[in-house]
Amino acid sequence: MSAVSYSQLVWVTLPEIALVVAALAVLACDGTVLRGAAIARRRGVAALLACVGSVAAMLLVGSGPASFHLPDGMLVMDGRTRVVQVALLVLTILTVLLSEAMLTPAAEGVAGGKTAFTHHIGEYFALLLFATVAVLFLVSTQNFLLIFLALEFLSLVLYILTGFDKQSQLSTEAALKYFLFGGISAAFLLFGISLIYGLSGSIDLSQIAVAALQPDPLWMIAIVMVVVGFGFKVAAAPFHLWAPDAYQGAPTISAGFVSSSSKVASFFIFAQVLTLGVFGAAGSGMWHGAAPGWVPVLCVVAALSLLLGNLAALVQTSLRRLLAYSAIGHAGYLLLAIIAHTPQSTSALLYYVFTYALTVLGAFGVLAALEAQGIDRIADVAGLSRRAPFLSACMLVFLLSLAGIPPLAGFFGKFWLFGTALNAAPQLGLFWLVMLAILMSVVALVYYLRVLKQIFVADVPANAGAIHSGLVTRVTLGVMAAATVVLGCDPGLLIRWVVR
């Protein structure tokens, strides 16, 4: 620390400081001058302050030093880290804007509908900003201690956001399950970190990489513990049991944040830990040339995620549970990029996870707009294209992108990821896993088309009227759908940032 002045440290952490200031401003404003005001007004002011804080943080990320490295990897800033941080801030802004659909009382008087799920507007937006602070720190460190602290800070905030709807027993149940599974995963991760520290004498990933070159049976135990801990965070099978209940019970926008920002940060740091910290203990997952290491462990986890996530999604009747099992399947695709562990596969992982986060958050945004009408099951969206044409068109784009249909962003993401995985191992050693991923992509198309068939082909229920959504929600979803199409037609717009 002696080589770094505190003024430099403050300058590098200004984005996080800006978000904390914005969160405190939201709390202060909502609890004082706006106390007792209408929910719509409180939501508008809180959303404005949150967006201003996030935009300020983005500007500060861009104006920071080109490279910064604290001793022991406590804080590491480079071009790729800044790109990930900007993407996370964009997702936060989109989440805040989409909250209009759930934090206004527009649903009052609608049969079977819901009103705003909470009156604690300031606390909700402040928690979103605090969660963003956690993910920014998480992606900017290569130190196991700070990784663990940032992960747990993020997890604690997500537990609260999951159980924020006090009117819903499902929300409370989801938060409790999320908390219990999260505590168990934290124990596994901490035990794995302690073993790695004991074997390497360091918690800096770059120093651990040197020690990991020396074979020791305890390394495999430590690595398995770390994989279990991170497997929970990314909702990979068989560590996925919290995800379906959390996605279904949490407020819709909270579920969207968990499935987007949290997944981007968790996959980025998971890849950092394995490809930077324990690269020497990778082993091999080739069909006829397997070797002990973390790669064959991840191959098993990826295969289970692909099979369980996509096959279980086929029988779901709830839209949110379908997206939860879909997320488990997508975790299998993303693990494939980590298994390849090449510079090209890391870039493919970032492109895939960015575009996935954009589309899945958009899908949850559509569900948030529909939830005011009491719509949650797949059968409830029958004839939706005649009741809400714009929302239906946006959902069409998002679901087809998740399915990997050209010319949308999801297609190029899968194409690039599968290609890098095939080229990573000699003699197409990962061909078996890539073929499984392609087969499961076909299965995924089936359950996405089930939803779209209900939306565009099924008859409109009797006495079903038009569905209206707020202007901010429509504009936000329209921009997200357009971005999904543009990034699919011209992937270079994003590739130039993720290839570093």
Protein backbone atom coordinates (compact mmCIF):
# COMPACT_ATOMS: atom_id res chain seq x y z
CA MET A 1 0.00 0.00 0.00
CA SER A 2 2.98 2.31 0.53
CA ALA A 3 3.48 2.66 -3.23
CA VAL A 4 -0.09 3.91 -3.68
CA SER A 5 -1.32 7.21 -2.31
CA TYR A 6 -4.74 7.45 -0.73
CA SER A 7 -5.69 10.12 -3.25
CA GLN A 8 -5.11 7.55 -6.03
CA LEU A 9 -7.16 4.98 -4.15
CA VAL A 10 -10.04 7.43 -3.73
CA TRP A 11 -9.84 8.37 -7.42
CA VAL A 12 -10.09 4.73 -8.53
CA THR A 13 -13.04 4.01 -6.21
CA LEU A 14 -14.97 7.17 -7.16
CA PRO A 15 -17.59 5.15 -9.13
CA GLU A 16 -18.47 3.15 -6.02
CA ILE A 17 -18.43 6.32 -3.91
CA ALA A 18 -20.83 7.99 -6.36
CA LEU A 19 -23.26 5.07 -6.06
CA VAL A 20 -23.12 5.13 -2.26
CA VAL A 21 -23.79 8.88 -2.24
CA ALA A 22 -26.73 8.33 -4.62
CA ALA A 23 -28.13 5.57 -2.39
CA LEU A 24 -27.89 7.78 0.70
CA ALA A 25 -29.51 10.66 -1.23
CA VAL A 26 -32.38 8.37 -2.22
CA LEU A 27 -32.91 7.30 1.40
CA ALA A 28 -32.69 10.85 2.73
CA CYS A 29 -35.01 12.32 0.11
CA ASP A 30 -37.60 9.57 0.39
CA GLY A 31 -37.59 9.67 4.18
CA THR A 32 -37.80 13.46 4.58
CA VAL A 33 -39.14 15.81 1.90
CA LEU A 34 -41.15 13.10 0.09
CA ARG A 35 -42.45 11.38 3.21
CA GLY A 36 -46.19 10.89 2.71
CA ALA A 37 -46.10 11.79 -0.99
CA ALA A 38 -47.75 9.64 -3.66
CA ILE A 39 -45.94 6.43 -4.58
CA ALA A 40 -45.61 7.46 -8.23
CA ARG A 41 -43.85 10.70 -7.27
CA ARG A 42 -41.55 8.99 -4.79
CA ARG A 43 -40.67 6.36 -7.37
CA GLY A 44 -39.94 8.99 -10.00
CA VAL A 45 -37.60 10.99 -7.76
CA ALA A 46 -35.84 7.88 -6.42
CA ALA A 47 -35.39 6.49 -9.94
CA LEU A 48 -34.01 9.83 -11.14
CA LEU A 49 -31.46 9.98 -8.32
CA ALA A 50 -30.46 6.33 -8.90
CA CYS A 51 -29.99 6.92 -12.64
CA VAL A 52 -27.98 10.09 -12.04
CA GLY A 53 -25.72 8.23 -9.61
CA SER A 54 -25.26 5.37 -12.08
CA VAL A 55 -24.49 7.68 -14.99
CA ALA A 56 -21.99 9.59 -12.83
CA ALA A 57 -20.36 6.28 -11.92
CA MET A 58 -20.11 5.35 -15.62
CA LEU A 59 -18.40 8.64 -16.41
CA LEU A 60 -15.98 8.15 -13.53
CA VAL A 61 -15.18 4.60 -14.70
CA GLY A 62 -14.33 5.95 -18.14
CA SER A 63 -12.18 8.79 -16.79
CA GLY A 64 -10.18 6.61 -14.39
CA PRO A 65 -6.56 5.55 -14.88
CA ALA A 66 -5.86 3.18 -17.77
CA SER A 67 -4.25 0.70 -15.40
CA PHE A 68 -4.20 0.40 -11.62
CA HIS A 69 -2.98 -2.43 -9.41
CA LEU A 70 -2.92 -2.54 -5.64
CA PRO A 71 -0.55 -4.98 -3.89
CA ASP A 72 -1.86 -8.52 -3.40
CA GLY A 73 -4.44 -7.94 -6.13
CA MET A 74 -6.78 -6.07 -3.78
CA LEU A 75 -7.87 -3.74 -6.57
CA VAL A 76 -7.05 -4.29 -10.24
CA MET A 77 -8.28 -1.97 -12.97
CA ASP A 78 -7.65 -2.53 -16.68
CA GLY A 79 -9.54 -2.14 -19.93
CA ARG A 80 -11.60 -5.31 -19.58
CA THR A 81 -12.56 -4.56 -15.99
CA ARG A 82 -13.82 -1.11 -16.99
CA VAL A 83 -15.94 -2.64 -19.78
CA VAL A 84 -17.55 -5.08 -17.33
CA GLN A 85 -18.20 -2.29 -14.83
CA VAL A 86 -19.86 -0.11 -17.48
CA ALA A 87 -22.04 -3.06 -18.54
CA LEU A 88 -23.10 -3.62 -14.92
CA LEU A 89 -24.00 0.06 -14.51
CA VAL A 90 -26.06 -0.04 -17.72
CA LEU A 91 -27.96 -3.05 -16.38
CA THR A 92 -28.61 -1.17 -13.12
CA ILE A 93 -30.03 1.81 -15.01
CA LEU A 94 -32.28 -0.50 -17.05
CA THR A 95 -33.45 -2.25 -13.88
CA VAL A 96 -34.30 1.09 -12.26
CA LEU A 97 -36.26 2.24 -15.32
CA LEU A 98 -38.17 -1.04 -15.59
CA SER A 99 -39.21 -0.75 -11.96
CA GLU A 100 -41.91 1.69 -13.08
CA ALA A 101 -44.08 -1.29 -13.99
CA MET A 102 -44.12 -2.58 -10.39
CA LEU A 103 -43.68 0.48 -8.20
CA THR A 104 -46.72 2.45 -9.34
CA PRO A 105 -50.32 1.84 -8.26
CA ALA A 106 -51.54 1.58 -11.87
CA ALA A 107 -52.97 -1.88 -11.26
CA GLU A 108 -55.58 -0.75 -8.73
CA GLY A 109 -59.02 -1.92 -9.70
CA VAL A 110 -57.79 -4.56 -12.10
CA ALA A 111 -59.37 -7.95 -11.46
CA GLY A 112 -56.71 -10.39 -10.31
CA GLY A 113 -54.05 -7.70 -10.58
CA LYS A 114 -51.57 -6.33 -8.11
CA THR A 115 -50.74 -2.92 -6.75
CA ALA A 116 -47.21 -1.69 -6.05
CA PHE A 117 -45.48 -4.52 -4.17
CA THR A 118 -43.92 -2.18 -1.58
CA HIS A 119 -44.25 1.31 -0.13
CA HIS A 120 -40.58 1.35 0.88
CA ILE A 121 -39.46 2.97 -2.35
CA GLY A 122 -36.28 4.59 -1.06
CA GLU A 123 -35.03 1.41 0.58
CA TYR A 124 -35.66 -0.61 -2.58
CA PHE A 125 -33.68 1.68 -4.87
CA ALA A 126 -30.92 2.10 -2.28
CA LEU A 127 -30.53 -1.67 -2.12
CA LEU A 128 -30.24 -1.86 -5.91
CA LEU A 129 -27.44 0.71 -5.76
CA PHE A 130 -25.68 -1.08 -2.90
CA ALA A 131 -25.86 -4.33 -4.88
CA THR A 132 -24.24 -2.50 -7.80
CA VAL A 133 -21.45 -1.30 -5.50
CA ALA A 134 -20.86 -4.94 -4.52
CA VAL A 135 -20.65 -6.18 -8.13
CA LEU A 136 -18.30 -3.33 -9.10
CA PHE A 137 -15.91 -4.29 -6.33
CA LEU A 138 -16.32 -7.97 -7.18
CA VAL A 139 -15.15 -7.61 -10.78
CA SER A 140 -12.26 -5.27 -9.91
CA THR A 141 -10.34 -7.50 -7.50
CA GLN A 142 -8.03 -10.48 -7.81
CA ASN A 143 -7.76 -11.09 -4.09
CA PHE A 144 -9.66 -14.01 -2.56
CA LEU A 145 -10.47 -12.11 0.64
CA LEU A 146 -12.10 -9.19 -1.17
CA ILE A 147 -13.79 -11.61 -3.60
CA PHE A 148 -15.43 -13.39 -0.68
CA LEU A 149 -16.44 -10.14 1.06
CA ALA A 150 -17.91 -8.66 -2.12
CA LEU A 151 -19.80 -11.88 -2.88
CA GLU A 152 -21.31 -12.00 0.58
CA PHE A 153 -22.20 -8.31 0.53
CA LEU A 154 -23.93 -8.89 -2.80
CA SER A 155 -25.67 -12.00 -1.51
CA LEU A 156 -27.02 -10.27 1.60
CA VAL A 157 -28.53 -7.50 -0.53
CA LEU A 158 -30.04 -10.03 -2.95
CA TYR A 159 -31.62 -11.98 -0.08
CA ILE A 160 -33.38 -8.79 1.03
CA LEU A 161 -34.47 -7.87 -2.50
CA THR A 162 -35.85 -11.38 -2.99
CA GLY A 163 -38.01 -11.15 0.14
CA PHE A 164 -38.97 -7.49 -0.32
CA ASP A 165 -42.61 -8.21 -1.17
CA LYS A 166 -44.10 -8.53 2.32
CA GLN A 167 -47.54 -9.18 0.83
CA SER A 168 -46.38 -12.44 -0.75
CA GLN A 169 -45.69 -15.68 1.11
CA LEU A 170 -43.83 -16.92 -1.96
CA SER A 171 -41.43 -14.00 -1.65
CA THR A 172 -40.69 -14.79 1.99
CA GLU A 173 -40.24 -18.48 1.23
CA ALA A 174 -37.95 -17.72 -1.71
CA ALA A 175 -35.78 -15.41 0.39
CA LEU A 176 -35.46 -18.01 3.14
CA LYS A 177 -34.43 -20.75 0.71
CA TYR A 178 -32.04 -18.39 -1.04
CA PHE A 179 -30.49 -17.45 2.33
CA LEU A 180 -30.10 -21.06 3.51
CA PHE A 181 -28.52 -22.27 0.29
CA GLY A 182 -26.40 -19.13 0.18
CA GLY A 183 -25.06 -19.78 3.66
CA ILE A 184 -24.10 -23.34 2.74
CA SER A 185 -22.38 -22.20 -0.46
CA ALA A 186 -20.47 -19.51 1.46
CA ALA A 187 -19.18 -22.20 3.82
CA PHE A 188 -17.95 -24.32 0.90
CA LEU A 189 -16.30 -21.33 -0.75
CA LEU A 190 -14.61 -20.17 2.45
CA PHE A 191 -13.33 -23.65 3.18
CA GLY A 192 -11.92 -23.89 -0.35
CA ILE A 193 -10.26 -20.49 -0.02
CA SER A 194 -8.71 -21.48 3.32
CA LEU A 195 -7.25 -24.63 1.76
CA ILE A 196 -5.85 -22.66 -1.17
CA TYR A 197 -4.30 -20.17 1.23
CA GLY A 198 -2.77 -22.98 3.24
CA LEU A 199 -1.30 -24.58 0.11
CA SER A 200 -0.07 -21.41 -1.57
CA GLY A 201 0.54 -19.04 1.32
CA SER A 202 -1.25 -16.25 -0.54
CA ILE A 203 -4.72 -14.94 -1.36
CA ASP A 204 -3.54 -13.10 -4.48
CA LEU A 205 -4.64 -14.96 -7.61
CA SER A 206 -1.42 -14.21 -9.50
CA GLN A 207 0.70 -15.64 -6.66
CA ILE A 208 -1.62 -18.61 -6.21
CA ALA A 209 -1.09 -19.42 -9.91
CA VAL A 210 2.60 -20.13 -9.23
CA ALA A 211 1.87 -22.48 -6.33
CA ALA A 212 -0.91 -24.28 -8.24
CA LEU A 213 1.70 -25.64 -10.66
CA GLN A 214 2.92 -27.98 -7.93
CA PRO A 215 0.67 -31.09 -7.76
CA ASP A 216 -0.95 -31.87 -4.42
CA PRO A 217 -4.09 -33.94 -3.71
CA LEU A 218 -5.41 -31.15 -1.50
CA TRP A 219 -5.56 -28.86 -4.52
CA MET A 220 -8.36 -30.93 -6.00
CA ILE A 221 -10.35 -30.77 -2.76
CA ALA A 222 -9.87 -27.01 -2.60
CA ILE A 223 -10.83 -26.52 -6.23
CA VAL A 224 -13.98 -28.65 -5.87
CA MET A 225 -15.00 -26.54 -2.85
CA VAL A 226 -14.51 -23.34 -4.83
CA VAL A 227 -16.49 -24.74 -7.77
CA VAL A 228 -19.34 -25.65 -5.42
CA GLY A 229 -19.34 -22.15 -3.93
CA PHE A 230 -19.39 -20.40 -7.28
CA GLY A 231 -21.75 -22.99 -8.76
CA PHE A 232 -24.41 -21.71 -6.40
CA LYS A 233 -23.81 -18.09 -7.36
CA VAL A 234 -24.22 -18.81 -11.08
CA ALA A 235 -27.15 -21.26 -10.57
CA ALA A 236 -25.40 -24.22 -12.18
CA ALA A 237 -26.67 -27.76 -11.57
CA PRO A 238 -26.63 -29.48 -9.14
CA PHE A 239 -26.31 -26.27 -7.07
CA HIS A 240 -29.39 -24.66 -8.62
CA LEU A 241 -32.12 -25.62 -6.16
CA TRP A 242 -32.65 -22.05 -4.94
CA ALA A 243 -33.12 -20.55 -8.40
CA PRO A 244 -36.65 -21.68 -9.45
CA ASP A 245 -38.22 -20.61 -6.14
CA ALA A 246 -36.25 -17.36 -6.00
CA TYR A 247 -37.14 -16.41 -9.57
CA GLN A 248 -40.82 -17.18 -8.98
CA GLY A 249 -41.22 -15.71 -5.49
CA ALA A 250 -39.08 -12.59 -5.72
CA PRO A 251 -40.50 -9.30 -7.04
CA THR A 252 -40.17 -9.56 -10.81
CA ILE A 253 -37.62 -6.76 -11.17
CA SER A 254 -35.57 -8.21 -8.31
CA ALA A 255 -35.53 -11.55 -10.12
CA GLY A 256 -34.43 -9.74 -13.27
CA PHE A 257 -31.55 -8.11 -11.41
CA VAL A 258 -30.47 -11.46 -9.94
CA SER A 259 -30.53 -13.08 -13.38
CA SER A 260 -28.60 -10.26 -15.09
CA SER A 261 -26.14 -8.16 -13.05
CA SER A 262 -25.42 -10.86 -10.49
CA LYS A 263 -24.76 -13.44 -13.21
CA VAL A 264 -22.44 -11.13 -15.18
CA ALA A 265 -20.29 -10.39 -12.13
CA SER A 266 -20.29 -13.96 -10.83
CA PHE A 267 -19.27 -15.52 -14.14
CA PHE A 268 -16.55 -12.92 -14.70
CA ILE A 269 -14.91 -13.49 -11.32
CA PHE A 270 -15.44 -17.27 -11.56
CA ALA A 271 -13.50 -17.24 -14.83
CA GLN A 272 -10.82 -15.06 -13.23
CA VAL A 273 -10.36 -17.44 -10.30
CA LEU A 274 -10.02 -20.54 -12.47
CA THR A 275 -8.13 -19.23 -15.48
CA LEU A 276 -5.83 -16.89 -13.55
CA GLY A 277 -5.55 -18.36 -10.07
CA VAL A 278 -5.49 -22.13 -10.66
CA PHE A 279 -4.75 -22.31 -14.38
CA GLY A 280 -1.93 -24.80 -13.74
CA ALA A 281 -4.37 -27.29 -12.23
CA ALA A 282 -6.78 -27.21 -15.18
CA GLY A 283 -6.48 -30.83 -16.29
CA SER A 284 -8.43 -31.92 -19.35
CA GLY A 285 -12.03 -32.73 -20.18
CA MET A 286 -11.43 -34.37 -23.55
CA TRP A 287 -13.54 -37.45 -24.27
CA HIS A 288 -10.57 -39.82 -24.66
CA GLY A 289 -7.93 -37.82 -22.82
CA ALA A 290 -9.36 -36.70 -19.47
CA ALA A 291 -6.87 -35.58 -16.83
CA PRO A 292 -7.49 -34.58 -13.18
CA GLY A 293 -8.15 -30.88 -12.62
CA TRP A 294 -10.93 -28.33 -12.51
CA VAL A 295 -11.79 -28.72 -16.23
CA PRO A 296 -13.31 -32.23 -15.90
CA VAL A 297 -15.21 -31.07 -12.81
CA LEU A 298 -16.66 -28.15 -14.77
CA CYS A 299 -17.47 -30.48 -17.69
CA VAL A 300 -19.70 -32.54 -15.41
CA VAL A 301 -21.35 -29.43 -13.96
CA ALA A 302 -21.88 -27.95 -17.43
CA ALA A 303 -23.40 -31.19 -18.78
CA LEU A 304 -25.75 -31.46 -15.80
CA SER A 305 -26.78 -27.81 -16.18
CA LEU A 306 -27.50 -28.23 -19.88
CA LEU A 307 -29.56 -31.37 -19.38
CA LEU A 308 -31.46 -30.47 -16.23
CA GLY A 309 -32.07 -26.82 -17.06
CA ASN A 310 -33.43 -27.33 -20.56
CA LEU A 311 -35.34 -30.57 -19.97
CA ALA A 312 -36.98 -29.28 -16.77
CA ALA A 313 -38.02 -26.07 -18.55
CA LEU A 314 -40.11 -28.15 -20.98
CA VAL A 315 -42.65 -29.03 -18.28
CA GLN A 316 -42.98 -25.65 -16.57
CA THR A 317 -46.30 -23.83 -16.47
CA SER A 318 -45.00 -20.65 -14.80
CA LEU A 319 -43.22 -18.14 -17.00
CA ARG A 320 -40.79 -17.16 -14.26
CA ARG A 321 -39.92 -20.75 -13.39
CA LEU A 322 -39.37 -21.38 -17.09
CA LEU A 323 -36.88 -18.49 -17.16
CA ALA A 324 -35.24 -19.89 -14.03
CA TYR A 325 -34.60 -23.30 -15.59
CA SER A 326 -33.58 -21.55 -18.78
CA ALA A 327 -30.98 -19.64 -16.72
CA ILE A 328 -29.61 -22.96 -15.45
CA GLY A 329 -29.27 -24.13 -19.04
CA HIS A 330 -27.51 -20.92 -20.04
CA ALA A 331 -25.12 -21.40 -17.13
CA GLY A 332 -24.07 -24.62 -18.87
CA TYR A 333 -23.30 -22.73 -22.08
CA LEU A 334 -21.27 -20.12 -20.18
CA LEU A 335 -19.31 -22.79 -18.30
CA LEU A 336 -18.27 -24.13 -21.70
CA ALA A 337 -16.34 -20.90 -22.29
CA ILE A 338 -14.52 -21.26 -18.95
CA ILE A 339 -13.71 -24.89 -19.75
CA ALA A 340 -12.04 -23.78 -22.99
CA HIS A 341 -9.90 -21.28 -20.95
CA THR A 342 -8.38 -19.42 -23.89
CA PRO A 343 -8.27 -15.63 -24.47
CA GLN A 344 -10.79 -16.06 -27.28
CA SER A 345 -13.18 -18.06 -25.10
CA THR A 346 -12.99 -15.41 -22.36
CA SER A 347 -14.03 -12.75 -24.88
CA ALA A 348 -16.82 -15.03 -26.09
CA LEU A 349 -17.97 -15.51 -22.49
CA LEU A 350 -18.20 -11.75 -21.96
CA TYR A 351 -20.16 -11.21 -25.20
CA TYR A 352 -22.53 -14.05 -24.34
CA VAL A 353 -23.12 -13.04 -20.72
CA PHE A 354 -23.64 -9.36 -21.65
CA THR A 355 -26.21 -10.14 -24.33
CA TYR A 356 -27.86 -12.82 -22.17
CA ALA A 357 -28.21 -10.36 -19.29
CA LEU A 358 -29.75 -7.77 -21.61
CA THR A 359 -32.33 -10.17 -23.03
CA VAL A 360 -33.29 -11.92 -19.81
CA LEU A 361 -33.71 -8.58 -18.03
CA GLY A 362 -35.91 -7.49 -20.93
CA ALA A 363 -38.01 -10.64 -20.57
CA PHE A 364 -38.47 -9.96 -16.87
CA GLY A 365 -39.34 -6.35 -17.71
CA VAL A 366 -42.17 -7.58 -19.94
CA LEU A 367 -43.36 -9.89 -17.16
CA ALA A 368 -43.27 -6.98 -14.72
CA ALA A 369 -45.53 -4.97 -17.03
CA LEU A 370 -47.90 -7.94 -17.34
CA GLU A 371 -47.93 -8.81 -13.65
CA ALA A 372 -50.29 -5.90 -12.97
CA GLN A 373 -52.91 -7.98 -14.80
CA GLY A 374 -52.24 -11.07 -12.68
CA ILE A 375 -50.37 -12.80 -15.52
CA ASP A 376 -47.81 -15.37 -14.41
CA ARG A 377 -48.59 -18.71 -16.09
CA ILE A 378 -47.86 -19.53 -19.71
CA ALA A 379 -51.59 -20.05 -20.29
CA ASP A 380 -52.25 -16.48 -19.10
CA VAL A 381 -50.49 -14.94 -22.12
CA ALA A 382 -52.93 -16.49 -24.61
CA GLY A 383 -53.68 -13.94 -27.31
CA LEU A 384 -51.36 -11.37 -25.77
CA SER A 385 -50.34 -10.06 -29.20
CA ARG A 386 -53.86 -8.62 -29.61
CA ARG A 387 -54.02 -7.20 -26.09
CA ALA A 388 -50.48 -5.73 -25.89
CA PRO A 389 -48.84 -5.71 -29.34
CA PHE A 390 -45.74 -3.78 -28.31
CA LEU A 391 -44.98 -5.92 -25.25
CA SER A 392 -45.54 -9.06 -27.35
CA ALA A 393 -43.12 -7.86 -30.02
CA CYS A 394 -40.47 -7.16 -27.37
CA MET A 395 -40.98 -10.59 -25.79
CA LEU A 396 -40.64 -12.17 -29.24
CA VAL A 397 -37.22 -10.56 -29.69
CA PHE A 398 -36.03 -11.48 -26.21
CA LEU A 399 -37.13 -15.12 -26.29
CA LEU A 400 -35.81 -15.76 -29.80
CA SER A 401 -32.48 -14.25 -28.79
CA LEU A 402 -32.35 -16.52 -25.74
CA ALA A 403 -33.07 -19.43 -28.08
CA GLY A 404 -30.18 -18.38 -30.35
CA ILE A 405 -32.14 -17.52 -33.50
CA PRO A 406 -30.40 -15.31 -36.12
CA PRO A 407 -29.99 -12.41 -36.62
CA LEU A 408 -30.35 -11.68 -32.91
CA ALA A 409 -27.52 -11.23 -30.41
CA GLY A 410 -28.05 -14.62 -28.79
CA PHE A 411 -27.28 -16.42 -32.06
CA PHE A 412 -23.87 -14.85 -32.52
CA GLY A 413 -23.10 -15.35 -28.81
CA LYS A 414 -23.69 -19.10 -29.08
CA PHE A 415 -21.93 -19.34 -32.45
CA TRP A 416 -18.81 -17.62 -31.13
CA LEU A 417 -18.81 -19.54 -27.86
CA PHE A 418 -19.24 -22.96 -29.48
CA GLY A 419 -16.57 -22.15 -32.06
CA THR A 420 -13.98 -21.16 -29.48
CA ALA A 421 -14.74 -24.29 -27.45
CA LEU A 422 -14.22 -26.53 -30.49
CA ASN A 423 -10.90 -24.86 -31.30
CA ALA A 424 -9.62 -24.85 -27.72
CA ALA A 425 -8.86 -28.57 -27.35
CA PRO A 426 -6.71 -30.58 -29.78
CA GLN A 427 -8.51 -32.90 -32.18
CA LEU A 428 -11.93 -31.53 -31.19
CA GLY A 429 -11.55 -32.92 -27.67
CA LEU A 430 -14.57 -30.95 -26.40
CA PHE A 431 -16.73 -31.96 -29.36
CA TRP A 432 -18.94 -34.12 -27.11
CA LEU A 433 -19.83 -31.22 -24.83
CA VAL A 434 -20.37 -28.78 -27.70
CA MET A 435 -22.72 -31.26 -29.40
CA LEU A 436 -24.65 -31.66 -26.15
CA ALA A 437 -24.94 -27.85 -25.93
CA ILE A 438 -26.22 -27.64 -29.52
CA LEU A 439 -28.75 -30.42 -28.88
CA MET A 440 -30.01 -28.66 -25.75
CA SER A 441 -30.28 -25.41 -27.74
CA VAL A 442 -32.81 -27.21 -29.96
CA VAL A 443 -34.70 -28.34 -26.85
CA ALA A 444 -34.66 -24.77 -25.56
CA LEU A 445 -36.22 -23.54 -28.80
CA VAL A 446 -39.18 -25.86 -28.13
CA TYR A 447 -40.14 -24.33 -24.79
CA TYR A 448 -39.56 -20.77 -25.99
CA LEU A 449 -41.84 -21.46 -28.96
CA ARG A 450 -44.49 -22.79 -26.55
CA VAL A 451 -44.66 -19.36 -24.97
CA LEU A 452 -44.66 -17.56 -28.31
CA LYS A 453 -47.40 -19.83 -29.62
CA GLN A 454 -49.61 -18.77 -26.72
CA ILE A 455 -48.80 -15.12 -27.34
CA PHE A 456 -49.32 -15.01 -31.11
CA VAL A 457 -51.50 -18.01 -32.04
CA ALA A 458 -53.81 -18.82 -29.13
CA ASP A 459 -57.23 -17.16 -28.91
CA VAL A 460 -57.83 -14.18 -26.67
CA PRO A 461 -59.75 -15.13 -23.49
CA ALA A 462 -63.30 -13.88 -23.24
CA ASN A 463 -63.73 -10.44 -21.64
CA ALA A 464 -59.97 -9.78 -21.86
CA GLY A 465 -59.25 -6.13 -22.53
CA ALA A 466 -56.21 -4.26 -23.79
CA ILE A 467 -53.15 -4.09 -21.55
CA HIS A 468 -51.50 -0.73 -21.06
CA SER A 469 -48.01 -0.09 -19.75
CA GLY A 470 -46.16 3.05 -18.71
CA LEU A 471 -44.25 5.20 -21.17
CA VAL A 472 -40.90 4.70 -19.41
CA THR A 473 -41.39 0.92 -19.46
CA ARG A 474 -42.26 0.89 -23.18
CA VAL A 475 -39.33 3.10 -24.14
CA THR A 476 -36.88 1.06 -22.04
CA LEU A 477 -38.08 -2.26 -23.43
CA GLY A 478 -38.03 -0.86 -26.97
CA VAL A 479 -34.42 0.26 -26.59
CA MET A 480 -33.44 -3.13 -25.16
CA ALA A 481 -35.16 -5.02 -27.98
CA ALA A 482 -33.55 -2.76 -30.59
CA ALA A 483 -30.12 -3.28 -28.96
CA THR A 484 -30.66 -7.05 -29.12
CA VAL A 485 -31.32 -6.85 -32.85
CA VAL A 486 -28.47 -4.41 -33.57
CA LEU A 487 -25.89 -6.42 -31.61
CA GLY A 488 -26.94 -9.51 -33.54
CA CYS A 489 -26.69 -7.81 -36.93
CA ASP A 490 -23.42 -6.03 -36.09
CA PRO A 491 -21.64 -7.94 -33.27
CA GLY A 492 -18.54 -5.83 -33.82
CA LEU A 493 -20.14 -3.00 -31.86
CA LEU A 494 -19.62 -5.06 -28.70
CA ILE A 495 -16.72 -7.26 -29.78
CA ARG A 496 -14.35 -4.32 -30.00
CA TRP A 497 -14.88 -3.75 -26.26
CA VAL A 498 -14.75 -7.33 -24.98
CA VAL A 499 -11.67 -8.37 -26.97
CA ARG A 500 -8.80 -7.06 -24.88
